[in-house]
Amino acid sequence: MEYLPRPARSAIYRFGIFELDSASLELRKDGRSEPRLREQALQVLLALLEKPKEIVTREEIRQRLWSSDTFVDFDHGLNTAINQLRSALGDSASNPRFIQTLPRRGYRFIAPVETTVGDGAVQGSTTVLRHTEASALPPTAGYADANPRWRGNTVLSGPSELPRAPNGLILLLFSLIQLMYLSIYVVALAMLSKVQSILAQTQNRASFILVILIVTASVGIPIRLYLLAASAFKYNGLLEKFQKLFVFLLPLDELWGLAPFLLIGQVGFGLAIAMTAALLYLPFSQRSLLLMRFASEVNPG
């Protein structure tokens, strides 16, 4: 395999706790040398670091890494290189902190990058950030750039607006919420005859409400079991998966937020309102917890 010549001028690229020496193609973590990756993967990383926040097309990478008369399985080689980089950086395609995939187009390095050129000067440009500028950014600045829905155009909180918290505590609270919902569904189905007698007071609407209760509980149970498993095993991309499910979970959870009114005879009207208010807030608290987890992973310090 034949690589094209590297630029004559060396530079050190720093991002997060990593740095890459363009001259030696040595990747370091916390200032220490890491096990050397294949040169192909390091060349891809260098190409991305030279143009942070910009799209580097697959064709640009092909021209950079191989001469025109070299015949290789480029797609397989590039995919392997990207996977090696993500493994070394602790990154993932579904929840990227460093390398974002643009399907059928190329890749983009989304984290802030500090570049020190060969003479020791820190190079500045519209896409290269000095250390002081990078530290002033919110912890999820790179990811927010790649996700316009989190740039303040929504009434819901974005990751940069939430505090960091221990990852274990976040997953524990998220799991407890899923267990609570799961318990509500199971208890409601287990006491279906009693629920039916309560609903009988609504006369001709009882059957309609009962069908909704059964259907939504049947849908909710597998969703909660999936989220419990995802939380317990720390699935990559849990935030992204929950964001997609949120559109469907929100009306489901808001509907079940009215469940305390089925117990109004036992708990009273005032307590039923308080319990309902708490349940109506829970869907948004789940979302906030996962965004806090993401913010903590991007900037753990």
Protein backbone atom coordinates (compact mmCIF):
# COMPACT_ATOMS: atom_id res chain seq x y z
CA MET A 1 0.00 0.00 0.00
CA GLU A 2 1.43 3.35 -1.02
CA TYR A 3 0.74 6.50 0.97
CA LEU A 4 1.13 9.99 -0.40
CA PRO A 5 3.82 12.19 1.22
CA ARG A 6 2.99 13.93 4.48
CA PRO A 7 3.18 17.72 4.82
CA ALA A 8 6.72 18.91 5.50
CA ARG A 9 5.70 21.13 8.42
CA SER A 10 4.95 19.23 11.61
CA ALA A 11 2.16 20.07 14.03
CA ILE A 12 0.68 18.82 17.27
CA TYR A 13 -3.12 18.47 17.33
CA ARG A 14 -4.72 18.39 20.79
CA PHE A 15 -8.34 17.41 21.39
CA GLY A 16 -9.81 16.37 24.72
CA ILE A 17 -7.20 14.27 26.53
CA PHE A 18 -5.57 13.20 23.25
CA GLU A 19 -2.89 14.65 20.99
CA LEU A 20 -1.53 13.60 17.61
CA ASP A 21 1.97 14.40 16.34
CA SER A 22 1.70 14.85 12.57
CA ALA A 23 5.43 14.22 12.05
CA SER A 24 5.71 10.89 13.87
CA LEU A 25 2.00 9.99 13.57
CA GLU A 26 2.04 9.15 17.29
CA LEU A 27 -1.26 9.31 19.16
CA ARG A 28 -0.94 10.11 22.87
CA LYS A 29 -3.49 10.04 25.68
CA ASP A 30 -2.88 12.17 28.79
CA GLY A 31 0.62 12.85 27.46
CA ARG A 32 1.52 9.16 27.33
CA SER A 33 2.14 7.13 24.21
CA GLU A 34 -0.70 4.83 23.26
CA PRO A 35 -0.34 1.51 21.41
CA ARG A 36 0.40 2.50 17.84
CA LEU A 37 -2.54 2.29 15.45
CA ARG A 38 -2.11 1.30 11.84
CA GLU A 39 -0.75 4.16 9.76
CA GLN A 40 -3.86 4.12 7.62
CA ALA A 41 -6.08 4.97 10.62
CA LEU A 42 -3.68 7.68 11.82
CA GLN A 43 -3.59 9.24 8.36
CA VAL A 44 -7.38 9.41 8.37
CA LEU A 45 -7.33 11.04 11.82
CA LEU A 46 -4.75 13.57 10.63
CA ALA A 47 -6.89 14.45 7.62
CA LEU A 48 -9.86 15.13 9.91
CA LEU A 49 -7.83 17.14 12.42
CA GLU A 50 -6.45 19.39 9.69
CA LYS A 51 -10.02 20.48 8.89
CA PRO A 52 -11.96 20.44 12.18
CA LYS A 53 -15.70 21.12 11.95
CA GLU A 54 -15.50 20.68 8.15
CA ILE A 55 -16.65 17.73 6.08
CA VAL A 56 -13.81 15.61 4.74
CA THR A 57 -15.22 13.59 1.88
CA ARG A 58 -14.44 9.95 1.26
CA GLU A 59 -12.92 10.94 -2.07
CA GLU A 60 -10.56 13.41 -0.35
CA ILE A 61 -9.40 10.66 1.99
CA ARG A 62 -8.91 8.24 -0.91
CA GLN A 63 -6.78 10.74 -2.82
CA ARG A 64 -4.76 11.53 0.29
CA LEU A 65 -4.05 7.95 1.33
CA TRP A 66 -3.56 6.19 -1.98
CA SER A 67 -2.07 7.14 -5.29
CA SER A 68 -4.33 6.92 -8.34
CA ASP A 69 -2.66 3.76 -9.67
CA THR A 70 -3.07 1.80 -6.42
CA PHE A 71 -5.90 -0.73 -6.45
CA VAL A 72 -7.35 -1.52 -3.03
CA ASP A 73 -10.71 -2.19 -1.41
CA PHE A 74 -11.02 1.44 -0.36
CA ASP A 75 -14.44 1.23 1.32
CA HIS A 76 -13.42 -1.70 3.50
CA GLY A 77 -10.08 -0.08 4.34
CA LEU A 78 -11.65 3.26 5.30
CA ASN A 79 -14.41 1.67 7.38
CA THR A 80 -11.82 -0.42 9.22
CA ALA A 81 -9.69 2.67 9.87
CA ILE A 82 -12.65 4.65 11.24
CA ASN A 83 -13.65 1.77 13.51
CA GLN A 84 -10.08 1.52 14.84
CA LEU A 85 -10.04 5.25 15.55
CA ARG A 86 -13.34 5.17 17.38
CA SER A 87 -12.15 2.24 19.47
CA ALA A 88 -8.92 4.06 20.38
CA LEU A 89 -10.74 7.34 21.21
CA GLY A 90 -13.63 5.72 23.07
CA ASP A 91 -16.03 7.14 20.48
CA SER A 92 -19.12 5.68 18.82
CA ALA A 93 -20.91 6.24 15.54
CA SER A 94 -24.35 6.59 17.15
CA ASN A 95 -23.24 8.98 19.89
CA PRO A 96 -20.14 10.73 18.47
CA ARG A 97 -17.88 12.92 20.55
CA PHE A 98 -15.07 13.24 18.02
CA ILE A 99 -15.82 11.73 14.60
CA GLN A 100 -19.23 12.29 13.04
CA THR A 101 -20.30 10.20 10.05
CA LEU A 102 -22.09 11.92 7.19
CA PRO A 103 -23.69 9.00 5.30
CA ARG A 104 -22.47 8.67 1.72
CA ARG A 105 -20.54 11.94 2.07
CA GLY A 106 -17.66 11.58 4.48
CA TYR A 107 -16.67 12.44 8.04
CA ARG A 108 -16.31 15.49 10.26
CA PHE A 109 -14.24 16.04 13.41
CA ILE A 110 -16.71 17.79 15.75
CA ALA A 111 -14.65 18.36 18.94
CA PRO A 112 -12.57 21.53 19.55
CA VAL A 113 -8.98 21.20 18.32
CA GLU A 114 -5.86 23.11 19.43
CA THR A 115 -3.06 23.10 16.87
CA THR A 116 0.59 23.85 17.71
CA VAL A 117 2.79 24.22 14.61
CA GLY A 118 6.45 23.29 14.37
CA ASP A 119 7.74 26.59 15.74
CA GLY A 120 5.70 26.20 18.93
CA ALA A 121 3.06 28.78 18.03
CA VAL A 122 -0.60 28.00 18.43
CA GLN A 123 -2.26 28.32 15.08
CA GLY A 124 -5.61 30.11 14.98
CA SER A 125 -8.31 30.14 12.34
CA THR A 126 -12.06 30.02 12.08
CA THR A 127 -12.00 26.28 12.65
CA VAL A 128 -9.01 25.87 14.98
CA LEU A 129 -9.54 26.92 18.59
CA ARG A 130 -6.97 28.11 21.07
CA HIS A 131 -6.95 26.49 24.48
CA THR A 132 -8.66 29.44 26.20
CA GLU A 133 -11.37 29.52 23.54
CA ALA A 134 -11.95 25.77 23.74
CA SER A 135 -12.22 25.78 27.52
CA ALA A 136 -14.85 28.52 27.36
CA LEU A 137 -17.13 26.43 25.19
CA PRO A 138 -19.95 24.41 26.75
CA PRO A 139 -19.06 20.75 27.23
CA THR A 140 -21.18 19.64 24.29
CA ALA A 141 -20.26 22.41 21.84
CA GLY A 142 -18.98 20.05 19.17
CA TYR A 143 -22.02 17.83 19.34
CA ALA A 144 -24.40 20.78 19.37
CA ASP A 145 -22.84 22.04 16.15
CA ALA A 146 -23.73 18.74 14.52
CA ASN A 147 -27.24 18.67 16.05
CA PRO A 148 -29.13 21.88 15.23
CA ARG A 149 -32.11 20.88 17.37
CA TRP A 150 -29.94 21.57 20.44
CA ARG A 151 -28.86 25.11 19.54
CA GLY A 152 -31.41 26.82 21.71
CA ASN A 153 -34.29 26.61 19.22
CA THR A 154 -36.45 24.57 21.59
CA VAL A 155 -38.11 25.18 24.95
CA LEU A 156 -36.58 21.93 26.22
CA SER A 157 -33.12 21.94 27.79
CA GLY A 158 -30.04 21.15 25.72
CA PRO A 159 -27.02 19.21 27.04
CA SER A 160 -24.91 22.36 27.52
CA GLU A 161 -27.59 23.79 29.85
CA LEU A 162 -27.59 20.85 32.25
CA PRO A 163 -25.14 20.09 35.08
CA ARG A 164 -22.79 17.13 35.05
CA ALA A 165 -23.48 14.25 37.42
CA PRO A 166 -21.95 10.83 38.15
CA ASN A 167 -22.78 8.44 35.35
CA GLY A 168 -23.75 5.67 37.78
CA LEU A 169 -26.24 7.92 39.60
CA ILE A 170 -27.81 9.04 36.31
CA LEU A 171 -28.31 5.47 35.08
CA LEU A 172 -29.67 4.40 38.49
CA LEU A 173 -32.31 7.16 38.51
CA PHE A 174 -33.19 6.46 34.87
CA SER A 175 -33.59 2.74 35.66
CA LEU A 176 -35.79 3.48 38.70
CA ILE A 177 -38.12 5.56 36.52
CA GLN A 178 -38.42 2.68 34.05
CA LEU A 179 -39.14 0.26 36.92
CA MET A 180 -41.83 2.60 38.25
CA TYR A 181 -43.59 2.75 34.88
CA LEU A 182 -43.23 -1.01 34.46
CA SER A 183 -44.80 -1.55 37.89
CA ILE A 184 -47.73 0.73 37.05
CA TYR A 185 -48.44 -1.19 33.84
CA VAL A 186 -48.20 -4.61 35.48
CA VAL A 187 -50.32 -3.67 38.52
CA ALA A 188 -52.97 -2.10 36.30
CA LEU A 189 -53.21 -5.26 34.19
CA ALA A 190 -53.13 -7.53 37.26
CA MET A 191 -56.04 -5.60 38.83
CA LEU A 192 -57.97 -5.28 35.58
CA SER A 193 -61.28 -6.44 37.07
CA LYS A 194 -61.06 -3.83 39.83
CA VAL A 195 -60.08 -1.15 37.32
CA GLN A 196 -63.05 -2.19 35.19
CA SER A 197 -65.42 -1.73 38.14
CA ILE A 198 -63.99 1.77 38.75
CA LEU A 199 -64.36 2.64 35.08
CA ALA A 200 -67.95 1.38 35.12
CA GLN A 201 -68.86 4.67 36.79
CA THR A 202 -68.10 6.42 33.49
CA GLN A 203 -70.97 4.43 31.92
CA ASN A 204 -70.65 4.16 28.11
CA ARG A 205 -66.99 5.26 28.09
CA ALA A 206 -65.76 2.40 30.27
CA SER A 207 -65.04 -0.02 27.42
CA PHE A 208 -63.17 2.63 25.40
CA ILE A 209 -60.96 3.62 28.35
CA LEU A 210 -60.33 -0.02 29.22
CA VAL A 211 -59.15 -0.79 25.66
CA ILE A 212 -56.78 2.20 25.73
CA LEU A 213 -55.42 1.06 29.10
CA ILE A 214 -54.74 -2.49 27.89
CA VAL A 215 -53.20 -1.42 24.57
CA THR A 216 -50.93 1.27 26.02
CA ALA A 217 -49.78 -0.97 28.87
CA SER A 218 -49.01 -3.76 26.39
CA VAL A 219 -46.94 -1.33 24.31
CA GLY A 220 -45.28 0.25 27.33
CA ILE A 221 -44.04 -2.97 28.94
CA PRO A 222 -41.58 -4.01 26.16
CA ILE A 223 -40.38 -0.41 25.78
CA ARG A 224 -39.58 -0.16 29.49
CA LEU A 225 -37.85 -3.54 29.46
CA TYR A 226 -35.72 -2.40 26.53
CA LEU A 227 -34.77 0.88 28.27
CA LEU A 228 -33.96 -1.03 31.46
CA ALA A 229 -31.64 -3.37 29.56
CA ALA A 230 -30.07 -0.45 27.67
CA SER A 231 -29.40 1.33 30.94
CA ALA A 232 -28.10 -1.75 32.77
CA PHE A 233 -25.68 -2.69 29.98
CA LYS A 234 -24.82 0.92 29.07
CA TYR A 235 -25.77 0.68 25.43
CA ASN A 236 -23.87 2.98 23.08
CA GLY A 237 -26.21 5.58 21.64
CA LEU A 238 -28.82 5.28 24.42
CA LEU A 239 -29.43 9.03 24.23
CA GLU A 240 -30.06 8.95 20.48
CA LYS A 241 -32.39 5.95 20.79
CA PHE A 242 -34.35 7.62 23.59
CA GLN A 243 -34.59 10.85 21.58
CA LYS A 244 -36.28 8.89 18.79
CA LEU A 245 -38.58 7.09 21.23
CA PHE A 246 -39.41 10.31 23.08
CA VAL A 247 -41.91 11.42 20.43
CA PHE A 248 -43.93 8.25 21.05
CA LEU A 249 -43.27 7.95 24.80
CA LEU A 250 -44.38 11.48 25.64
CA PRO A 251 -48.10 11.04 24.83
CA LEU A 252 -48.01 7.52 26.32
CA ASP A 253 -46.48 8.73 29.59
CA GLU A 254 -48.72 11.81 29.78
CA LEU A 255 -51.75 9.55 29.38
CA TRP A 256 -50.58 7.27 32.18
CA GLY A 257 -49.93 10.37 34.27
CA LEU A 258 -53.70 10.41 34.82
CA ALA A 259 -53.61 6.94 36.42
CA PRO A 260 -53.81 8.27 40.03
CA PHE A 261 -57.37 9.41 39.32
CA LEU A 262 -58.32 5.73 39.21
CA LEU A 263 -57.42 5.66 42.91
CA ILE A 264 -59.24 8.86 43.80
CA GLY A 265 -61.57 6.92 46.11
CA GLN A 266 -58.60 5.63 48.12
CA VAL A 267 -56.18 8.59 48.05
CA GLY A 268 -58.48 11.58 47.72
CA PHE A 269 -58.72 14.30 45.08
CA GLY A 270 -55.81 16.45 46.34
CA LEU A 271 -53.26 13.63 46.48
CA ALA A 272 -54.39 12.35 43.09
CA ILE A 273 -53.65 15.79 41.59
CA ALA A 274 -50.20 15.86 43.24
CA MET A 275 -49.34 12.37 42.01
CA THR A 276 -50.53 13.22 38.51
CA ALA A 277 -48.43 16.39 38.42
CA ALA A 278 -45.33 14.38 39.35
CA LEU A 279 -46.05 11.74 36.71
CA LEU A 280 -46.59 14.39 34.03
CA TYR A 281 -43.08 15.72 34.73
CA LEU A 282 -41.31 12.36 34.60
CA PRO A 283 -41.04 12.05 30.77
CA PHE A 284 -39.01 15.26 30.66
CA SER A 285 -36.85 14.24 33.62
CA GLN A 286 -35.86 11.03 31.78
CA ARG A 287 -34.70 13.09 28.81
CA SER A 288 -32.77 15.48 31.07
CA LEU A 289 -31.03 12.61 32.85
CA LEU A 290 -29.70 11.15 29.60
CA LEU A 291 -28.57 14.58 28.38
CA MET A 292 -26.72 15.03 31.69
CA ARG A 293 -25.05 11.69 31.11
CA PHE A 294 -23.95 12.80 27.65
CA ALA A 295 -22.60 16.12 29.00
CA SER A 296 -20.63 14.23 31.66
CA GLU A 297 -19.11 11.85 29.09
CA VAL A 298 -18.05 14.67 26.76
CA ASN A 299 -16.41 16.73 29.53
CA PRO A 300 -15.86 14.54 32.58
CA GLY A 301 -13.59 17.08 34.29
